[in-house]
Amino acid sequence: MSGWGYLDALTPSMFTLFPMYFAIILLALNDGVKYENKSQAKVAMVVSVIILAILFNPFSVAMADENHMAIFRTGTMILTTVVAIFFFVRSFLNNRFANQNKR
C-alpha cells in the first residue's frame, strides 16, 4: 500500500515508504510471533504502534486535501494496524491468563 502511495504521488517522498519498511521488520518477526516468542511478539507490538502513529499524519493530510485514494490507502493501513494490535493484545492477555491458571 505504501509503495502504491509512493508511485501515485506527484512529488514522491521517502516518508511514504516508512510503513513498507516497518512491514519488512514485521515479516522478519513473523515466526517469533507465530510460535509465541515473547520478546519478538512485544517488538512486533511496539512496531505496530509506531506504524499507527506514523499513519495519522498522512491520513489527516489526505482528509484535508479530500484525496479519496489516499484516504482509502492510509485508512486501510490504519485499519489493518488496529486489527493487528487488537490481536496482539488479545494474545498477550490469553497467554497471561493461561500462565496464571498453570500455577
PDB file of N, CA and C in Angstrom:
ATOM      1  N   MET A   1       0.827  -1.192   0.000  1.00  0.00           N
ATOM      2  CA  MET A   1       0.000   0.000   0.000  1.00  0.00           C
ATOM      3  C   MET A   1       0.871   1.255   0.000  1.00  0.00           C
ATOM      4  N   SER A   2       1.940   1.257   0.799  1.00  0.00           N
ATOM      5  CA  SER A   2       2.775   2.451   0.835  1.00  0.00           C
ATOM      6  C   SER A   2       3.551   2.612  -0.471  1.00  0.00           C
ATOM      7  N   GLY A   3       3.910   1.496  -1.111  1.00  0.00           N
ATOM      8  CA  GLY A   3       4.544   1.573  -2.422  1.00  0.00           C
ATOM      9  C   GLY A   3       3.609   2.190  -3.448  1.00  0.00           C
ATOM     10  N   TRP A   4       2.339   1.847  -3.352  1.00  0.00           N
ATOM     11  CA  TRP A   4       1.315   2.420  -4.219  1.00  0.00           C
ATOM     12  C   TRP A   4       1.235   3.930  -3.989  1.00  0.00           C
ATOM     13  N   GLY A   5       1.267   4.341  -2.721  1.00  0.00           N
ATOM     14  CA  GLY A   5       1.227   5.764  -2.395  1.00  0.00           C
ATOM     15  C   GLY A   5       2.440   6.503  -2.930  1.00  0.00           C
ATOM     16  N   TYR A   6       3.585   5.862  -2.868  1.00  0.00           N
ATOM     17  CA  TYR A   6       4.817   6.468  -3.376  1.00  0.00           C
ATOM     18  C   TYR A   6       4.734   6.651  -4.892  1.00  0.00           C
ATOM     19  N   LEU A   7       4.259   5.636  -5.589  1.00  0.00           N
ATOM     20  CA  LEU A   7       4.168   5.718  -7.046  1.00  0.00           C
ATOM     21  C   LEU A   7       3.047   6.644  -7.508  1.00  0.00           C
ATOM     22  N   ASP A   8       2.014   6.808  -6.696  1.00  0.00           N
ATOM     23  CA  ASP A   8       0.852   7.622  -7.053  1.00  0.00           C
ATOM     24  C   ASP A   8       1.074   9.108  -6.789  1.00  0.00           C
ATOM     25  N   ALA A   9       2.049   9.454  -5.966  1.00  0.00           N
ATOM     26  CA  ALA A   9       2.251  10.842  -5.556  1.00  0.00           C
ATOM     27  C   ALA A   9       2.858  11.684  -6.678  1.00  0.00           C
ATOM     28  N   LEU A  10       2.453  12.947  -6.710  1.00  0.00           N
ATOM     29  CA  LEU A  10       3.044  13.876  -7.678  1.00  0.00           C
ATOM     30  C   LEU A  10       4.490  14.198  -7.301  1.00  0.00           C
ATOM     31  N   THR A  11       4.724  14.349  -6.012  1.00  0.00           N
ATOM     32  CA  THR A  11       6.083  14.575  -5.508  1.00  0.00           C
ATOM     33  C   THR A  11       6.373  13.487  -4.492  1.00  0.00           C
ATOM     34  N   PRO A  12       6.910  12.350  -4.934  1.00  0.00           N
ATOM     35  CA  PRO A  12       7.143  11.216  -4.030  1.00  0.00           C
ATOM     36  C   PRO A  12       8.088  11.584  -2.883  1.00  0.00           C
ATOM     37  N   SER A  13       7.783  11.068  -1.716  1.00  0.00           N
ATOM     38  CA  SER A  13       8.586  11.302  -0.529  1.00  0.00           C
ATOM     39  C   SER A  13       8.965   9.957   0.088  1.00  0.00           C
ATOM     40  N   MET A  14      10.159   9.897   0.647  1.00  0.00           N
ATOM     41  CA  MET A  14      10.590   8.668   1.317  1.00  0.00           C
ATOM     42  C   MET A  14       9.716   8.386   2.546  1.00  0.00           C
ATOM     43  N   PHE A  15       9.091   9.422   3.097  1.00  0.00           N
ATOM     44  CA  PHE A  15       8.204   9.264   4.246  1.00  0.00           C
ATOM     45  C   PHE A  15       7.059   8.304   3.906  1.00  0.00           C
ATOM     46  N   THR A  16       6.639   8.312   2.656  1.00  0.00           N
ATOM     47  CA  THR A  16       5.550   7.451   2.214  1.00  0.00           C
ATOM     48  C   THR A  16       5.915   5.979   2.341  1.00  0.00           C
ATOM     49  N   LEU A  17       7.195   5.668   2.269  1.00  0.00           N
ATOM     50  CA  LEU A  17       7.634   4.273   2.289  1.00  0.00           C
ATOM     51  C   LEU A  17       7.898   3.734   3.700  1.00  0.00           C
ATOM     52  N   PHE A  18       7.800   4.560   4.739  1.00  0.00           N
ATOM     53  CA  PHE A  18       8.055   4.089   6.106  1.00  0.00           C
ATOM     54  C   PHE A  18       7.199   2.883   6.491  1.00  0.00           C
ATOM     55  N   PRO A  19       5.888   2.880   6.222  1.00  0.00           N
ATOM     56  CA  PRO A  19       5.109   1.686   6.576  1.00  0.00           C
ATOM     57  C   PRO A  19       5.621   0.416   5.890  1.00  0.00           C
ATOM     58  N   MET A  20       6.134   0.550   4.672  1.00  0.00           N
ATOM     59  CA  MET A  20       6.669  -0.619   3.980  1.00  0.00           C
ATOM     60  C   MET A  20       7.929  -1.122   4.682  1.00  0.00           C
ATOM     61  N   TYR A  21       8.784  -0.209   5.131  1.00  0.00           N
ATOM     62  CA  TYR A  21       9.986  -0.614   5.862  1.00  0.00           C
ATOM     63  C   TYR A  21       9.612  -1.340   7.158  1.00  0.00           C
ATOM     64  N   PHE A  22       8.620  -0.808   7.845  1.00  0.00           N
ATOM     65  CA  PHE A  22       8.179  -1.456   9.075  1.00  0.00           C
ATOM     66  C   PHE A  22       7.511  -2.801   8.786  1.00  0.00           C
ATOM     67  N   ALA A  23       6.840  -2.906   7.644  1.00  0.00           N
ATOM     68  CA  ALA A  23       6.237  -4.191   7.260  1.00  0.00           C
ATOM     69  C   ALA A  23       7.313  -5.249   7.038  1.00  0.00           C
ATOM     70  N   ILE A  24       8.446  -4.840   6.505  1.00  0.00           N
ATOM     71  CA  ILE A  24       9.563  -5.776   6.330  1.00  0.00           C
ATOM     72  C   ILE A  24      10.068  -6.248   7.688  1.00  0.00           C
ATOM     73  N   ILE A  25      10.133  -5.335   8.647  1.00  0.00           N
ATOM     74  CA  ILE A  25      10.540  -5.709  10.012  1.00  0.00           C
ATOM     75  C   ILE A  25       9.529  -6.693  10.599  1.00  0.00           C
ATOM     76  N   LEU A  26       8.239  -6.423  10.403  1.00  0.00           N
ATOM     77  CA  LEU A  26       7.204  -7.324  10.927  1.00  0.00           C
ATOM     78  C   LEU A  26       7.276  -8.700  10.272  1.00  0.00           C
ATOM     79  N   LEU A  27       7.582  -8.739   8.991  1.00  0.00           N
ATOM     80  CA  LEU A  27       7.743 -10.032   8.328  1.00  0.00           C
ATOM     81  C   LEU A  27       8.909 -10.809   8.913  1.00  0.00           C
ATOM     82  N   ALA A  28       9.973 -10.097   9.274  1.00  0.00           N
ATOM     83  CA  ALA A  28      11.123 -10.768   9.890  1.00  0.00           C
ATOM     84  C   ALA A  28      10.767 -11.321  11.267  1.00  0.00           C
ATOM     85  N   LEU A  29       9.832 -10.673  11.952  1.00  0.00           N
ATOM     86  CA  LEU A  29       9.423 -11.111  13.291  1.00  0.00           C
ATOM     87  C   LEU A  29       8.278 -12.123  13.251  1.00  0.00           C
ATOM     88  N   ASN A  30       7.794 -12.448  12.084  1.00  0.00           N
ATOM     89  CA  ASN A  30       6.596 -13.285  11.941  1.00  0.00           C
ATOM     90  C   ASN A  30       6.724 -14.646  12.628  1.00  0.00           C
ATOM     91  N   ASP A  31       7.832 -15.338  12.440  1.00  0.00           N
ATOM     92  CA  ASP A  31       7.974 -16.656  13.064  1.00  0.00           C
ATOM     93  C   ASP A  31       7.967 -16.569  14.583  1.00  0.00           C
ATOM     94  N   GLY A  32       8.600 -15.539  15.131  1.00  0.00           N
ATOM     95  CA  GLY A  32       8.591 -15.375  16.580  1.00  0.00           C
ATOM     96  C   GLY A  32       7.209 -15.136  17.131  1.00  0.00           C
ATOM     97  N   VAL A  33       6.420 -14.357  16.415  1.00  0.00           N
ATOM     98  CA  VAL A  33       5.040 -14.097  16.838  1.00  0.00           C
ATOM     99  C   VAL A  33       4.212 -15.365  16.691  1.00  0.00           C
ATOM    100  N   LYS A  34       4.426 -16.063  15.599  1.00  0.00           N
ATOM    101  CA  LYS A  34       3.662 -17.278  15.310  1.00  0.00           C
ATOM    102  C   LYS A  34       3.872 -18.347  16.376  1.00  0.00           C
ATOM    103  N   TYR A  35       5.113 -18.483  16.837  1.00  0.00           N
ATOM    104  CA  TYR A  35       5.442 -19.507  17.829  1.00  0.00           C
ATOM    105  C   TYR A  35       5.516 -18.948  19.245  1.00  0.00           C
ATOM    106  N   GLU A  36       4.886 -17.789  19.456  1.00  0.00           N
ATOM    107  CA  GLU A  36       4.697 -17.166  20.765  1.00  0.00           C
ATOM    108  C   GLU A  36       6.002 -16.873  21.491  1.00  0.00           C
ATOM    109  N   ASN A  37       7.002 -16.385  20.765  1.00  0.00           N
ATOM    110  CA  ASN A  37       8.224 -15.880  21.373  1.00  0.00           C
ATOM    111  C   ASN A  37       7.893 -14.509  21.952  1.00  0.00           C
ATOM    112  N   LYS A  38       7.982 -14.388  23.275  1.00  0.00           N
ATOM    113  CA  LYS A  38       7.517 -13.170  23.939  1.00  0.00           C
ATOM    114  C   LYS A  38       8.247 -11.918  23.481  1.00  0.00           C
ATOM    115  N   SER A  39       9.559 -11.991  23.392  1.00  0.00           N
ATOM    116  CA  SER A  39      10.316 -10.787  23.050  1.00  0.00           C
ATOM    117  C   SER A  39      10.014 -10.328  21.626  1.00  0.00           C
ATOM    118  N   GLN A  40       9.941 -11.261  20.686  1.00  0.00           N
ATOM    119  CA  GLN A  40       9.639 -10.877  19.307  1.00  0.00           C
ATOM    120  C   GLN A  40       8.205 -10.381  19.175  1.00  0.00           C
ATOM    121  N   ALA A  41       7.291 -10.960  19.928  1.00  0.00           N
ATOM    122  CA  ALA A  41       5.903 -10.502  19.888  1.00  0.00           C
ATOM    123  C   ALA A  41       5.783  -9.085  20.449  1.00  0.00           C
ATOM    124  N   LYS A  42       6.535  -8.793  21.503  1.00  0.00           N
ATOM    125  CA  LYS A  42       6.496  -7.440  22.079  1.00  0.00           C
ATOM    126  C   LYS A  42       7.109  -6.420  21.130  1.00  0.00           C
ATOM    127  N   VAL A  43       8.199  -6.797  20.457  1.00  0.00           N
ATOM    128  CA  VAL A  43       8.802  -5.896  19.472  1.00  0.00           C
ATOM    129  C   VAL A  43       7.826  -5.650  18.323  1.00  0.00           C
ATOM    130  N   ALA A  44       7.146  -6.683  17.876  1.00  0.00           N
ATOM    131  CA  ALA A  44       6.160  -6.540  16.805  1.00  0.00           C
ATOM    132  C   ALA A  44       5.014  -5.629  17.246  1.00  0.00           C
ATOM    133  N   MET A  45       4.625  -5.719  18.494  1.00  0.00           N
ATOM    134  CA  MET A  45       3.570  -4.854  19.028  1.00  0.00           C
ATOM    135  C   MET A  45       4.024  -3.395  19.021  1.00  0.00           C
ATOM    136  N   VAL A  46       5.247  -3.155  19.473  1.00  0.00           N
ATOM    137  CA  VAL A  46       5.784  -1.785  19.502  1.00  0.00           C
ATOM    138  C   VAL A  46       5.890  -1.234  18.077  1.00  0.00           C
ATOM    139  N   VAL A  47       6.364  -2.041  17.150  1.00  0.00           N
ATOM    140  CA  VAL A  47       6.470  -1.615  15.750  1.00  0.00           C
ATOM    141  C   VAL A  47       5.082  -1.275  15.208  1.00  0.00           C
ATOM    142  N   SER A  48       4.084  -2.061  15.549  1.00  0.00           N
ATOM    143  CA  SER A  48       2.717  -1.792  15.090  1.00  0.00           C
ATOM    144  C   SER A  48       2.190  -0.471  15.638  1.00  0.00           C
ATOM    145  N   VAL A  49       2.483  -0.181  16.890  1.00  0.00           N
ATOM    146  CA  VAL A  49       2.044   1.088  17.484  1.00  0.00           C
ATOM    147  C   VAL A  49       2.770   2.259  16.804  1.00  0.00           C
ATOM    148  N   ILE A  50       4.049   2.090  16.503  1.00  0.00           N
ATOM    149  CA  ILE A  50       4.799   3.137  15.806  1.00  0.00           C
ATOM    150  C   ILE A  50       4.206   3.368  14.416  1.00  0.00           C
ATOM    151  N   ILE A  51       3.869   2.284  13.728  1.00  0.00           N
ATOM    152  CA  ILE A  51       3.247   2.412  12.406  1.00  0.00           C
ATOM    153  C   ILE A  51       1.937   3.181  12.511  1.00  0.00           C
ATOM    154  N   LEU A  52       1.138   2.853  13.515  1.00  0.00           N
ATOM    155  CA  LEU A  52      -0.145   3.540  13.700  1.00  0.00           C
ATOM    156  C   LEU A  52       0.069   5.029  13.911  1.00  0.00           C
ATOM    157  N   ALA A  53       1.056   5.393  14.718  1.00  0.00           N
ATOM    158  CA  ALA A  53       1.336   6.812  14.966  1.00  0.00           C
ATOM    159  C   ALA A  53       1.806   7.507  13.692  1.00  0.00           C
ATOM    160  N   ILE A  54       2.630   6.822  12.907  1.00  0.00           N
ATOM    161  CA  ILE A  54       3.135   7.407  11.667  1.00  0.00           C
ATOM    162  C   ILE A  54       2.013   7.625  10.655  1.00  0.00           C
ATOM    163  N   LEU A  55       1.041   6.743  10.620  1.00  0.00           N
ATOM    164  CA  LEU A  55      -0.008   6.808   9.600  1.00  0.00           C
ATOM    165  C   LEU A  55      -1.023   7.923   9.829  1.00  0.00           C
ATOM    166  N   PHE A  56      -1.105   8.468  11.036  1.00  0.00           N
ATOM    167  CA  PHE A  56      -2.110   9.500  11.269  1.00  0.00           C
ATOM    168  C   PHE A  56      -1.819  10.795  10.516  1.00  0.00           C
ATOM    169  N   ASN A  57      -0.545  11.143  10.349  1.00  0.00           N
ATOM    170  CA  ASN A  57      -0.227  12.363   9.611  1.00  0.00           C
ATOM    171  C   ASN A  57      -0.652  12.275   8.149  1.00  0.00           C
ATOM    172  N   PRO A  58      -0.263  11.224   7.397  1.00  0.00           N
ATOM    173  CA  PRO A  58      -0.726  11.155   6.012  1.00  0.00           C
ATOM    174  C   PRO A  58      -2.248  11.068   5.884  1.00  0.00           C
ATOM    175  N   PHE A  59      -2.877  10.431   6.862  1.00  0.00           N
ATOM    176  CA  PHE A  59      -4.336  10.325   6.818  1.00  0.00           C
ATOM    177  C   PHE A  59      -4.983  11.691   6.991  1.00  0.00           C
ATOM    178  N   SER A  60      -4.475  12.497   7.935  1.00  0.00           N
ATOM    179  CA  SER A  60      -5.053  13.829   8.145  1.00  0.00           C
ATOM    180  C   SER A  60      -4.797  14.734   6.939  1.00  0.00           C
ATOM    181  N   VAL A  61      -3.627  14.605   6.311  1.00  0.00           N
ATOM    182  CA  VAL A  61      -3.343  15.391   5.103  1.00  0.00           C
ATOM    183  C   VAL A  61      -4.278  14.976   3.973  1.00  0.00           C
ATOM    184  N   ALA A  62      -4.498  13.679   3.823  1.00  0.00           N
ATOM    185  CA  ALA A  62      -5.411  13.191   2.783  1.00  0.00           C
ATOM    186  C   ALA A  62      -6.830  13.677   3.034  1.00  0.00           C
ATOM    187  N   MET A  63      -7.234  13.712   4.291  1.00  0.00           N
ATOM    188  CA  MET A  63      -8.579  14.214   4.622  1.00  0.00           C
ATOM    189  C   MET A  63      -8.689  15.700   4.286  1.00  0.00           C
ATOM    190  N   ALA A  64      -7.653  16.467   4.595  1.00  0.00           N
ATOM    191  CA  ALA A  64      -7.682  17.909   4.318  1.00  0.00           C
ATOM    192  C   ALA A  64      -7.696  18.178   2.814  1.00  0.00           C
ATOM    193  N   ASP A  65      -6.967  17.377   2.044  1.00  0.00           N
ATOM    194  CA  ASP A  65      -6.911  17.559   0.598  1.00  0.00           C
ATOM    195  C   ASP A  65      -8.083  16.899  -0.128  1.00  0.00           C
ATOM    196  N   GLU A  66      -8.889  16.141   0.589  1.00  0.00           N
ATOM    197  CA  GLU A  66     -10.005  15.381   0.024  1.00  0.00           C
ATOM    198  C   GLU A  66      -9.533  14.459  -1.101  1.00  0.00           C
ATOM    199  N   ASN A  67      -8.379  13.842  -0.872  1.00  0.00           N
ATOM    200  CA  ASN A  67      -7.814  12.884  -1.823  1.00  0.00           C
ATOM    201  C   ASN A  67      -8.362  11.501  -1.450  1.00  0.00           C
ATOM    202  N   HIS A  68      -9.365  11.058  -2.184  1.00  0.00           N
ATOM    203  CA  HIS A  68     -10.082   9.840  -1.820  1.00  0.00           C
ATOM    204  C   HIS A  68      -9.219   8.584  -1.894  1.00  0.00           C
ATOM    205  N   MET A  69      -8.337   8.511  -2.864  1.00  0.00           N
ATOM    206  CA  MET A  69      -7.466   7.332  -2.969  1.00  0.00           C
ATOM    207  C   MET A  69      -6.487   7.284  -1.800  1.00  0.00           C
ATOM    208  N   ALA A  70      -5.955   8.425  -1.411  1.00  0.00           N
ATOM    209  CA  ALA A  70      -5.033   8.467  -0.273  1.00  0.00           C
ATOM    210  C   ALA A  70      -5.774   8.153   1.022  1.00  0.00           C
ATOM    211  N   ILE A  71      -7.003   8.634   1.148  1.00  0.00           N
ATOM    212  CA  ILE A  71      -7.814   8.315   2.327  1.00  0.00           C
ATOM    213  C   ILE A  71      -8.052   6.815   2.390  1.00  0.00           C
ATOM    214  N   PHE A  72      -8.403   6.201   1.268  1.00  0.00           N
ATOM    215  CA  PHE A  72      -8.624   4.754   1.224  1.00  0.00           C
ATOM    216  C   PHE A  72      -7.350   3.996   1.573  1.00  0.00           C
ATOM    217  N   ARG A  73      -6.233   4.407   0.976  1.00  0.00           N
ATOM    218  CA  ARG A  73      -4.960   3.728   1.179  1.00  0.00           C
ATOM    219  C   ARG A  73      -4.515   3.805   2.639  1.00  0.00           C
ATOM    220  N   THR A  74      -4.450   5.005   3.186  1.00  0.00           N
ATOM    221  CA  THR A  74      -3.993   5.142   4.570  1.00  0.00           C
ATOM    222  C   THR A  74      -5.038   4.620   5.550  1.00  0.00           C
ATOM    223  N   GLY A  75      -6.307   4.781   5.217  1.00  0.00           N
ATOM    224  CA  GLY A  75      -7.359   4.231   6.079  1.00  0.00           C
ATOM    225  C   GLY A  75      -7.275   2.720   6.169  1.00  0.00           C
ATOM    226  N   THR A  76      -6.986   2.070   5.053  1.00  0.00           N
ATOM    227  CA  THR A  76      -6.824   0.614   5.050  1.00  0.00           C
ATOM    228  C   THR A  76      -5.621   0.204   5.883  1.00  0.00           C
ATOM    229  N   MET A  77      -4.523   0.953   5.750  1.00  0.00           N
ATOM    230  CA  MET A  77      -3.336   0.628   6.552  1.00  0.00           C
ATOM    231  C   MET A  77      -3.602   0.843   8.046  1.00  0.00           C
ATOM    232  N   ILE A  78      -4.326   1.906   8.385  1.00  0.00           N
ATOM    233  CA  ILE A  78      -4.663   2.157   9.791  1.00  0.00           C
ATOM    234  C   ILE A  78      -5.564   1.045  10.319  1.00  0.00           C
ATOM    235  N   LEU A  79      -6.568   0.665   9.541  1.00  0.00           N
ATOM    236  CA  LEU A  79      -7.494  -0.386   9.961  1.00  0.00           C
ATOM    237  C   LEU A  79      -6.765  -1.708  10.206  1.00  0.00           C
ATOM    238  N   THR A  80      -5.901  -2.109   9.285  1.00  0.00           N
ATOM    239  CA  THR A  80      -5.185  -3.375   9.466  1.00  0.00           C
ATOM    240  C   THR A  80      -4.211  -3.304  10.635  1.00  0.00           C
ATOM    241  N   THR A  81      -3.638  -2.138  10.881  1.00  0.00           N
ATOM    242  CA  THR A  81      -2.738  -1.983  12.028  1.00  0.00           C
ATOM    243  C   THR A  81      -3.509  -2.079  13.338  1.00  0.00           C
ATOM    244  N   VAL A  82      -4.676  -1.460  13.402  1.00  0.00           N
ATOM    245  CA  VAL A  82      -5.504  -1.534  14.609  1.00  0.00           C
ATOM    246  C   VAL A  82      -5.947  -2.977  14.861  1.00  0.00           C
ATOM    247  N   VAL A  83      -6.313  -3.685  13.808  1.00  0.00           N
ATOM    248  CA  VAL A  83      -6.707  -5.093  13.951  1.00  0.00           C
ATOM    249  C   VAL A  83      -5.523  -5.915  14.466  1.00  0.00           C
ATOM    250  N   ALA A  84      -4.327  -5.666  13.927  1.00  0.00           N
ATOM    251  CA  ALA A  84      -3.132  -6.391  14.384  1.00  0.00           C
ATOM    252  C   ALA A  84      -2.851  -6.110  15.853  1.00  0.00           C
ATOM    253  N   ILE A  85      -2.955  -4.854  16.266  1.00  0.00           N
ATOM    254  CA  ILE A  85      -2.727  -4.502  17.667  1.00  0.00           C
ATOM    255  C   ILE A  85      -3.757  -5.184  18.556  1.00  0.00           C
ATOM    256  N   PHE A  86      -5.014  -5.227  18.125  1.00  0.00           N
ATOM    257  CA  PHE A  86      -6.058  -5.902  18.886  1.00  0.00           C
ATOM    258  C   PHE A  86      -5.696  -7.372  19.116  1.00  0.00           C
ATOM    259  N   PHE A  87      -5.258  -8.048  18.060  1.00  0.00           N
ATOM    260  CA  PHE A  87      -4.916  -9.463  18.200  1.00  0.00           C
ATOM    261  C   PHE A  87      -3.646  -9.667  19.021  1.00  0.00           C
ATOM    262  N   PHE A  88      -2.693  -8.738  18.960  1.00  0.00           N
ATOM    263  CA  PHE A  88      -1.519  -8.818  19.827  1.00  0.00           C
ATOM    264  C   PHE A  88      -1.933  -8.732  21.288  1.00  0.00           C
ATOM    265  N   VAL A  89      -2.761  -7.744  21.603  1.00  0.00           N
ATOM    266  CA  VAL A  89      -3.200  -7.564  22.993  1.00  0.00           C
ATOM    267  C   VAL A  89      -3.999  -8.779  23.448  1.00  0.00           C
ATOM    268  N   ARG A  90      -4.875  -9.265  22.601  1.00  0.00           N
ATOM    269  CA  ARG A  90      -5.665 -10.448  22.951  1.00  0.00           C
ATOM    270  C   ARG A  90      -4.764 -11.658  23.203  1.00  0.00           C
ATOM    271  N   SER A  91      -3.746 -11.829  22.381  1.00  0.00           N
ATOM    272  CA  SER A  91      -2.798 -12.922  22.557  1.00  0.00           C
ATOM    273  C   SER A  91      -2.023 -12.778  23.860  1.00  0.00           C
ATOM    274  N   PHE A  92      -1.575 -11.552  24.156  1.00  0.00           N
ATOM    275  CA  PHE A  92      -0.846 -11.320  25.409  1.00  0.00           C
ATOM    276  C   PHE A  92      -1.723 -11.656  26.614  1.00  0.00           C
ATOM    277  N   LEU A  93      -2.982 -11.216  26.565  1.00  0.00           N
ATOM    278  CA  LEU A  93      -3.889 -11.490  27.684  1.00  0.00           C
ATOM    279  C   LEU A  93      -4.178 -12.980  27.809  1.00  0.00           C
ATOM    280  N   ASN A  94      -4.407 -13.663  26.697  1.00  0.00           N
ATOM    281  CA  ASN A  94      -4.663 -15.106  26.741  1.00  0.00           C
ATOM    282  C   ASN A  94      -3.469 -15.857  27.313  1.00  0.00           C
ATOM    283  N   ASN A  95      -2.265 -15.469  26.912  1.00  0.00           N
ATOM    284  CA  ASN A  95      -1.062 -16.119  27.440  1.00  0.00           C
ATOM    285  C   ASN A  95      -0.894 -15.857  28.930  1.00  0.00           C
ATOM    286  N   ARG A  96      -1.209 -14.651  29.353  1.00  0.00           N
ATOM    287  CA  ARG A  96      -1.086 -14.323  30.780  1.00  0.00           C
ATOM    288  C   ARG A  96      -2.080 -15.133  31.610  1.00  0.00           C
ATOM    289  N   PHE A  97      -3.325 -15.221  31.133  1.00  0.00           N
ATOM    290  CA  PHE A  97      -4.325 -15.987  31.875  1.00  0.00           C
ATOM    291  C   PHE A  97      -4.005 -17.476  31.861  1.00  0.00           C
ATOM    292  N   ALA A  98      -3.465 -17.958  30.758  1.00  0.00           N
ATOM    293  CA  ALA A  98      -3.076 -19.382  30.691  1.00  0.00           C
ATOM    294  C   ALA A  98      -1.936 -19.676  31.650  1.00  0.00           C
ATOM    295  N   ASN A  99      -0.985 -18.763  31.762  1.00  0.00           N
ATOM    296  CA  ASN A  99       0.129 -18.952  32.687  1.00  0.00           C
ATOM    297  C   ASN A  99      -0.325 -18.857  34.133  1.00  0.00           C
ATOM    298  N   GLN A 100      -1.307 -18.009  34.431  1.00  0.00           N
ATOM    299  CA  GLN A 100      -1.809 -17.908  35.791  1.00  0.00           C
ATOM    300  C   GLN A 100      -2.586 -19.160  36.184  1.00  0.00           C
ATOM    301  N   ASN A 101      -3.270 -19.784  35.249  1.00  0.00           N
ATOM    302  CA  ASN A 101      -4.028 -20.994  35.529  1.00  0.00           C
ATOM    303  C   ASN A 101      -3.121 -22.201  35.744  1.00  0.00           C
ATOM    304  N   LYS A 102      -1.900 -22.157  35.230  1.00  0.00           N
ATOM    305  CA  LYS A 102      -0.957 -23.254  35.397  1.00  0.00           C
ATOM    306  C   LYS A 102      -0.387 -23.300  36.814  1.00  0.00           C
ATOM    307  N   ARG A 103      -0.403 -22.177  37.477  1.00  0.00           N
ATOM    308  CA  ARG A 103       0.184 -22.102  38.836  1.00  0.00           C
ATOM    309  C   ARG A 103      -0.651 -22.778  39.847  1.00  0.00           C
TER     310      ARG A 103
END
